[in-house]
Amino acid sequence: MEKNIRCNACARRIKEENGILKEDIFEGKKEWGYFSRLDLKVDTFFLCEDCYEQIVSKFQIPVTRKDKLEVM
């Protein structure tokens, strides 16, 4: 089953084959809670690797990035 995932920033279709993603993506999800203007809304979005890097490069405080030693 095709997922037809697109990057929310550039709208590029994420490569997949037989329902399996052939590139990695960033998936953001936020369930807004009380004391928010978006109370009880759920936002989700996807970013390709290029758009993710462009966005985080503009952060005043950089993301924390660690190397993994093992994949399970």
PDB file of N, CA and C in Angstrom:
ATOM      1  N   MET A   1       0.841  -1.181   0.000  1.00  0.00           N
ATOM      2  CA  MET A   1       0.000   0.000   0.000  1.00  0.00           C
ATOM      3  C   MET A   1       0.887   1.245   0.000  1.00  0.00           C
ATOM      4  N   GLU A   2       0.651   2.126  -0.944  1.00  0.00           N
ATOM      5  CA  GLU A   2       1.435   3.354  -1.055  1.00  0.00           C
ATOM      6  C   GLU A   2       1.017   4.347   0.030  1.00  0.00           C
ATOM      7  N   LYS A   3       2.009   4.983   0.645  1.00  0.00           N
ATOM      8  CA  LYS A   3       1.744   5.941   1.705  1.00  0.00           C
ATOM      9  C   LYS A   3       1.567   7.362   1.156  1.00  0.00           C
ATOM     10  N   ASN A   4       2.192   7.662   0.012  1.00  0.00           N
ATOM     11  CA  ASN A   4       2.114   8.992  -0.605  1.00  0.00           C
ATOM     12  C   ASN A   4       2.443  10.112   0.375  1.00  0.00           C
ATOM     13  N   ILE A   5       3.544   9.956   1.082  1.00  0.00           N
ATOM     14  CA  ILE A   5       3.969  10.976   2.042  1.00  0.00           C
ATOM     15  C   ILE A   5       4.727  12.063   1.296  1.00  0.00           C
ATOM     16  N   ARG A   6       4.413  13.313   1.629  1.00  0.00           N
ATOM     17  CA  ARG A   6       5.099  14.465   1.061  1.00  0.00           C
ATOM     18  C   ARG A   6       5.697  15.297   2.183  1.00  0.00           C
ATOM     19  N   CYS A   7       6.814  15.936   1.879  1.00  0.00           N
ATOM     20  CA  CYS A   7       7.419  16.873   2.810  1.00  0.00           C
ATOM     21  C   CYS A   7       6.489  18.087   2.911  1.00  0.00           C
ATOM     22  N   ASN A   8       6.137  18.463   4.123  1.00  0.00           N
ATOM     23  CA  ASN A   8       5.249  19.602   4.311  1.00  0.00           C
ATOM     24  C   ASN A   8       5.911  20.932   3.950  1.00  0.00           C
ATOM     25  N   ALA A   9       7.248  20.987   3.935  1.00  0.00           N
ATOM     26  CA  ALA A   9       7.936  22.247   3.635  1.00  0.00           C
ATOM     27  C   ALA A   9       8.096  22.464   2.127  1.00  0.00           C
ATOM     28  N   CYS A  10       8.580  21.456   1.411  1.00  0.00           N
ATOM     29  CA  CYS A  10       8.851  21.633  -0.022  1.00  0.00           C
ATOM     30  C   CYS A  10       7.869  20.888  -0.915  1.00  0.00           C
ATOM     31  N   ALA A  11       7.017  20.063  -0.356  1.00  0.00           N
ATOM     32  CA  ALA A  11       5.984  19.282  -1.059  1.00  0.00           C
ATOM     33  C   ALA A  11       6.543  18.134  -1.895  1.00  0.00           C
ATOM     34  N   ARG A  12       7.837  17.853  -1.762  1.00  0.00           N
ATOM     35  CA  ARG A  12       8.427  16.744  -2.521  1.00  0.00           C
ATOM     36  C   ARG A  12       7.887  15.420  -1.995  1.00  0.00           C
ATOM     37  N   ARG A  13       7.562  14.535  -2.922  1.00  0.00           N
ATOM     38  CA  ARG A  13       7.097  13.204  -2.544  1.00  0.00           C
ATOM     39  C   ARG A  13       8.266  12.383  -2.009  1.00  0.00           C
ATOM     40  N   ILE A  14       8.060  11.733  -0.881  1.00  0.00           N
ATOM     41  CA  ILE A  14       9.096  10.901  -0.264  1.00  0.00           C
ATOM     42  C   ILE A  14       9.142   9.567  -1.004  1.00  0.00           C
ATOM     43  N   LYS A  15      10.345   9.141  -1.371  1.00  0.00           N
ATOM     44  CA  LYS A  15      10.513   7.908  -2.145  1.00  0.00           C
ATOM     45  C   LYS A  15      10.052   6.695  -1.340  1.00  0.00           C
ATOM     46  N   GLU A  16       9.276   5.862  -2.009  1.00  0.00           N
ATOM     47  CA  GLU A  16       8.859   4.606  -1.399  1.00  0.00           C
ATOM     48  C   GLU A  16       8.704   3.561  -2.485  1.00  0.00           C
ATOM     49  N   GLU A  17       8.791   2.323  -2.058  1.00  0.00           N
ATOM     50  CA  GLU A  17       8.658   1.194  -2.970  1.00  0.00           C
ATOM     51  C   GLU A  17       7.913   0.094  -2.247  1.00  0.00           C
ATOM     52  N   ASN A  18       6.828  -0.339  -2.826  1.00  0.00           N
ATOM     53  CA  ASN A  18       5.995  -1.386  -2.218  1.00  0.00           C
ATOM     54  C   ASN A  18       5.587  -1.024  -0.791  1.00  0.00           C
ATOM     55  N   GLY A  19       5.276   0.245  -0.567  1.00  0.00           N
ATOM     56  CA  GLY A  19       4.816   0.688   0.745  1.00  0.00           C
ATOM     57  C   GLY A  19       5.920   0.883   1.768  1.00  0.00           C
ATOM     58  N   ILE A  20       7.183   0.764   1.351  1.00  0.00           N
ATOM     59  CA  ILE A  20       8.323   0.920   2.260  1.00  0.00           C
ATOM     60  C   ILE A  20       9.055   2.202   1.894  1.00  0.00           C
ATOM     61  N   LEU A  21       9.240   3.088   2.872  1.00  0.00           N
ATOM     62  CA  LEU A  21       9.965   4.332   2.624  1.00  0.00           C
ATOM     63  C   LEU A  21      11.410   4.019   2.268  1.00  0.00           C
ATOM     64  N   LYS A  22      11.907   4.675   1.233  1.00  0.00           N
ATOM     65  CA  LYS A  22      13.277   4.472   0.770  1.00  0.00           C
ATOM     66  C   LYS A  22      14.192   5.617   1.176  1.00  0.00           C
ATOM     67  N   GLU A  23      13.686   6.514   1.996  1.00  0.00           N
ATOM     68  CA  GLU A  23      14.495   7.574   2.592  1.00  0.00           C
ATOM     69  C   GLU A  23      13.859   7.908   3.937  1.00  0.00           C
ATOM     70  N   ASP A  24      14.654   8.432   4.818  1.00  0.00           N
ATOM     71  CA  ASP A  24      14.145   8.735   6.152  1.00  0.00           C
ATOM     72  C   ASP A  24      13.532  10.128   6.173  1.00  0.00           C
ATOM     73  N   ILE A  25      12.598  10.339   7.078  1.00  0.00           N
ATOM     74  CA  ILE A  25      11.911  11.620   7.214  1.00  0.00           C
ATOM     75  C   ILE A  25      11.801  11.966   8.688  1.00  0.00           C
ATOM     76  N   PHE A  26      11.591  13.236   8.945  1.00  0.00           N
ATOM     77  CA  PHE A  26      11.279  13.695  10.300  1.00  0.00           C
ATOM     78  C   PHE A  26       9.761  13.767  10.398  1.00  0.00           C
ATOM     79  N   GLU A  27       9.200  13.136  11.431  1.00  0.00           N
ATOM     80  CA  GLU A  27       7.765  13.214  11.666  1.00  0.00           C
ATOM     81  C   GLU A  27       7.530  13.993  12.949  1.00  0.00           C
ATOM     82  N   GLY A  28       6.837  15.099  12.826  1.00  0.00           N
ATOM     83  CA  GLY A  28       6.500  15.907  13.989  1.00  0.00           C
ATOM     84  C   GLY A  28       5.035  15.702  14.348  1.00  0.00           C
ATOM     85  N   LYS A  29       4.769  15.592  15.632  1.00  0.00           N
ATOM     86  CA  LYS A  29       3.382  15.461  16.101  1.00  0.00           C
ATOM     87  C   LYS A  29       3.262  16.206  17.419  1.00  0.00           C
ATOM     88  N   LYS A  30       2.245  17.029  17.523  1.00  0.00           N
ATOM     89  CA  LYS A  30       2.006  17.782  18.755  1.00  0.00           C
ATOM     90  C   LYS A  30       0.527  17.724  19.084  1.00  0.00           C
ATOM     91  N   GLU A  31       0.227  17.228  20.276  1.00  0.00           N
ATOM     92  CA  GLU A  31      -1.131  17.243  20.798  1.00  0.00           C
ATOM     93  C   GLU A  31      -1.225  18.424  21.750  1.00  0.00           C
ATOM     94  N   TRP A  32      -1.925  19.461  21.318  1.00  0.00           N
ATOM     95  CA  TRP A  32      -2.015  20.690  22.089  1.00  0.00           C
ATOM     96  C   TRP A  32      -2.922  20.485  23.291  1.00  0.00           C
ATOM     97  N   GLY A  33      -2.514  21.041  24.405  1.00  0.00           N
ATOM     98  CA  GLY A  33      -3.260  20.873  25.641  1.00  0.00           C
ATOM     99  C   GLY A  33      -3.866  22.159  26.148  1.00  0.00           C
ATOM    100  N   TYR A  34      -4.324  22.072  27.353  1.00  0.00           N
ATOM    101  CA  TYR A  34      -4.947  23.223  28.006  1.00  0.00           C
ATOM    102  C   TYR A  34      -3.971  24.398  28.064  1.00  0.00           C
ATOM    103  N   PHE A  35      -4.520  25.598  28.170  1.00  0.00           N
ATOM    104  CA  PHE A  35      -3.752  26.841  28.249  1.00  0.00           C
ATOM    105  C   PHE A  35      -3.043  27.164  26.937  1.00  0.00           C
ATOM    106  N   SER A  36      -3.522  26.586  25.843  1.00  0.00           N
ATOM    107  CA  SER A  36      -2.984  26.859  24.522  1.00  0.00           C
ATOM    108  C   SER A  36      -4.109  27.389  23.637  1.00  0.00           C
ATOM    109  N   ARG A  37      -3.757  28.241  22.691  1.00  0.00           N
ATOM    110  CA  ARG A  37      -4.753  28.698  21.722  1.00  0.00           C
ATOM    111  C   ARG A  37      -5.214  27.542  20.828  1.00  0.00           C
ATOM    112  N   LEU A  38      -4.456  26.472  20.799  1.00  0.00           N
ATOM    113  CA  LEU A  38      -4.780  25.316  19.960  1.00  0.00           C
ATOM    114  C   LEU A  38      -5.271  24.137  20.788  1.00  0.00           C
ATOM    115  N   ASP A  39      -5.854  24.427  21.914  1.00  0.00           N
ATOM    116  CA  ASP A  39      -6.345  23.417  22.841  1.00  0.00           C
ATOM    117  C   ASP A  39      -7.144  22.325  22.120  1.00  0.00           C
ATOM    118  N   LEU A  40      -6.760  21.073  22.362  1.00  0.00           N
ATOM    119  CA  LEU A  40      -7.413  19.866  21.834  1.00  0.00           C
ATOM    120  C   LEU A  40      -7.235  19.664  20.329  1.00  0.00           C
ATOM    121  N   LYS A  41      -6.284  20.360  19.717  1.00  0.00           N
ATOM    122  CA  LYS A  41      -5.928  20.129  18.314  1.00  0.00           C
ATOM    123  C   LYS A  41      -4.707  19.212  18.271  1.00  0.00           C
ATOM    124  N   VAL A  42      -4.574  18.453  17.202  1.00  0.00           N
ATOM    125  CA  VAL A  42      -3.410  17.590  17.000  1.00  0.00           C
ATOM    126  C   VAL A  42      -2.798  17.954  15.650  1.00  0.00           C
ATOM    127  N   ASP A  43      -1.556  18.409  15.668  1.00  0.00           N
ATOM    128  CA  ASP A  43      -0.834  18.761  14.444  1.00  0.00           C
ATOM    129  C   ASP A  43       0.179  17.668  14.129  1.00  0.00           C
ATOM    130  N   THR A  44       0.273  17.280  12.865  1.00  0.00           N
ATOM    131  CA  THR A  44       1.306  16.345  12.416  1.00  0.00           C
ATOM    132  C   THR A  44       1.899  16.891  11.123  1.00  0.00           C
ATOM    133  N   PHE A  45       3.176  16.614  10.906  1.00  0.00           N
ATOM    134  CA  PHE A  45       3.822  17.027   9.663  1.00  0.00           C
ATOM    135  C   PHE A  45       5.049  16.173   9.425  1.00  0.00           C
ATOM    136  N   PHE A  46       5.497  16.191   8.160  1.00  0.00           N
ATOM    137  CA  PHE A  46       6.682  15.445   7.755  1.00  0.00           C
ATOM    138  C   PHE A  46       7.665  16.399   7.092  1.00  0.00           C
ATOM    139  N   LEU A  47       8.950  16.165   7.322  1.00  0.00           N
ATOM    140  CA  LEU A  47      10.002  16.944   6.665  1.00  0.00           C
ATOM    141  C   LEU A  47      11.012  15.989   6.051  1.00  0.00           C
ATOM    142  N   CYS A  48      11.393  16.259   4.796  1.00  0.00           N
ATOM    143  CA  CYS A  48      12.499  15.502   4.209  1.00  0.00           C
ATOM    144  C   CYS A  48      13.785  15.934   4.919  1.00  0.00           C
ATOM    145  N   GLU A  49      14.837  15.189   4.707  1.00  0.00           N
ATOM    146  CA  GLU A  49      16.091  15.475   5.404  1.00  0.00           C
ATOM    147  C   GLU A  49      16.642  16.859   5.055  1.00  0.00           C
ATOM    148  N   ASP A  50      16.553  17.253   3.783  1.00  0.00           N
ATOM    149  CA  ASP A  50      17.067  18.568   3.368  1.00  0.00           C
ATOM    150  C   ASP A  50      16.317  19.702   4.071  1.00  0.00           C
ATOM    151  N   CYS A  51      14.985  19.633   4.092  1.00  0.00           N
ATOM    152  CA  CYS A  51      14.195  20.688   4.740  1.00  0.00           C
ATOM    153  C   CYS A  51      14.429  20.697   6.251  1.00  0.00           C
ATOM    154  N   TYR A  52      14.552  19.523   6.838  1.00  0.00           N
ATOM    155  CA  TYR A  52      14.844  19.445   8.274  1.00  0.00           C
ATOM    156  C   TYR A  52      16.150  20.177   8.578  1.00  0.00           C
ATOM    157  N   GLU A  53      17.197  19.886   7.806  1.00  0.00           N
ATOM    158  CA  GLU A  53      18.495  20.515   8.040  1.00  0.00           C
ATOM    159  C   GLU A  53      18.424  22.032   7.850  1.00  0.00           C
ATOM    160  N   GLN A  54      17.681  22.488   6.839  1.00  0.00           N
ATOM    161  CA  GLN A  54      17.528  23.933   6.616  1.00  0.00           C
ATOM    162  C   GLN A  54      16.843  24.597   7.804  1.00  0.00           C
ATOM    163  N   ILE A  55      15.796  23.974   8.313  1.00  0.00           N
ATOM    164  CA  ILE A  55      15.042  24.560   9.421  1.00  0.00           C
ATOM    165  C   ILE A  55      15.866  24.587  10.701  1.00  0.00           C
ATOM    166  N   VAL A  56      16.481  23.467  11.060  1.00  0.00           N
ATOM    167  CA  VAL A  56      17.222  23.436  12.330  1.00  0.00           C
ATOM    168  C   VAL A  56      18.495  24.272  12.277  1.00  0.00           C
ATOM    169  N   SER A  57      19.005  24.527  11.083  1.00  0.00           N
ATOM    170  CA  SER A  57      20.213  25.361  10.980  1.00  0.00           C
ATOM    171  C   SER A  57      19.922  26.810  11.389  1.00  0.00           C
ATOM    172  N   LYS A  58      18.659  27.197  11.425  1.00  0.00           N
ATOM    173  CA  LYS A  58      18.277  28.561  11.803  1.00  0.00           C
ATOM    174  C   LYS A  58      18.001  28.705  13.302  1.00  0.00           C
ATOM    175  N   PHE A  59      18.038  27.604  14.041  1.00  0.00           N
ATOM    176  CA  PHE A  59      17.779  27.657  15.476  1.00  0.00           C
ATOM    177  C   PHE A  59      18.868  28.466  16.188  1.00  0.00           C
ATOM    178  N   GLN A  60      18.476  29.280  17.147  1.00  0.00           N
ATOM    179  CA  GLN A  60      19.438  30.010  17.969  1.00  0.00           C
ATOM    180  C   GLN A  60      20.176  29.043  18.903  1.00  0.00           C
ATOM    181  N   ILE A  61      19.492  28.033  19.376  1.00  0.00           N
ATOM    182  CA  ILE A  61      20.096  26.978  20.191  1.00  0.00           C
ATOM    183  C   ILE A  61      20.065  25.713  19.343  1.00  0.00           C
ATOM    184  N   PRO A  62      21.225  25.156  18.991  1.00  0.00           N
ATOM    185  CA  PRO A  62      21.239  24.004  18.085  1.00  0.00           C
ATOM    186  C   PRO A  62      20.580  22.769  18.695  1.00  0.00           C
ATOM    187  N   VAL A  63      20.111  21.892  17.813  1.00  0.00           N
ATOM    188  CA  VAL A  63      19.562  20.619  18.278  1.00  0.00           C
ATOM    189  C   VAL A  63      20.690  19.816  18.921  1.00  0.00           C
ATOM    190  N   THR A  64      20.330  18.938  19.816  1.00  0.00           N
ATOM    191  CA  THR A  64      21.299  18.019  20.407  1.00  0.00           C
ATOM    192  C   THR A  64      21.365  16.797  19.505  1.00  0.00           C
ATOM    193  N   ARG A  65      22.551  16.471  19.017  1.00  0.00           N
ATOM    194  CA  ARG A  65      22.716  15.345  18.108  1.00  0.00           C
ATOM    195  C   ARG A  65      23.794  14.430  18.663  1.00  0.00           C
ATOM    196  N   LYS A  66      23.467  13.154  18.763  1.00  0.00           N
ATOM    197  CA  LYS A  66      24.404  12.145  19.261  1.00  0.00           C
ATOM    198  C   LYS A  66      24.537  11.050  18.227  1.00  0.00           C
ATOM    199  N   ASP A  67      25.672  10.398  18.209  1.00  0.00           N
ATOM    200  CA  ASP A  67      25.871   9.227  17.350  1.00  0.00           C
ATOM    201  C   ASP A  67      25.356   7.989  18.072  1.00  0.00           C
ATOM    202  N   LYS A  68      24.640   7.137  17.334  1.00  0.00           N
ATOM    203  CA  LYS A  68      24.206   5.865  17.885  1.00  0.00           C
ATOM    204  C   LYS A  68      25.293   4.835  17.607  1.00  0.00           C
ATOM    205  N   LEU A  69      25.491   3.947  18.549  1.00  0.00           N
ATOM    206  CA  LEU A  69      26.508   2.918  18.384  1.00  0.00           C
ATOM    207  C   LEU A  69      25.915   1.625  17.868  1.00  0.00           C
ATOM    208  N   GLU A  70      24.587   1.505  17.956  1.00  0.00           N
ATOM    209  CA  GLU A  70      23.963   0.243  17.603  1.00  0.00           C
ATOM    210  C   GLU A  70      22.528   0.504  17.151  1.00  0.00           C
ATOM    211  N   VAL A  71      22.081  -0.266  16.171  1.00  0.00           N
ATOM    212  CA  VAL A  71      20.722  -0.148  15.668  1.00  0.00           C
ATOM    213  C   VAL A  71      19.995  -1.439  15.973  1.00  0.00           C
ATOM    214  N   MET A  72      18.820  -1.319  16.557  1.00  0.00           N
ATOM    215  CA  MET A  72      18.057  -2.526  16.896  1.00  0.00           C
ATOM    216  C   MET A  72      16.816  -2.606  16.069  1.00  0.00           C
TER     217      MET A  72
END
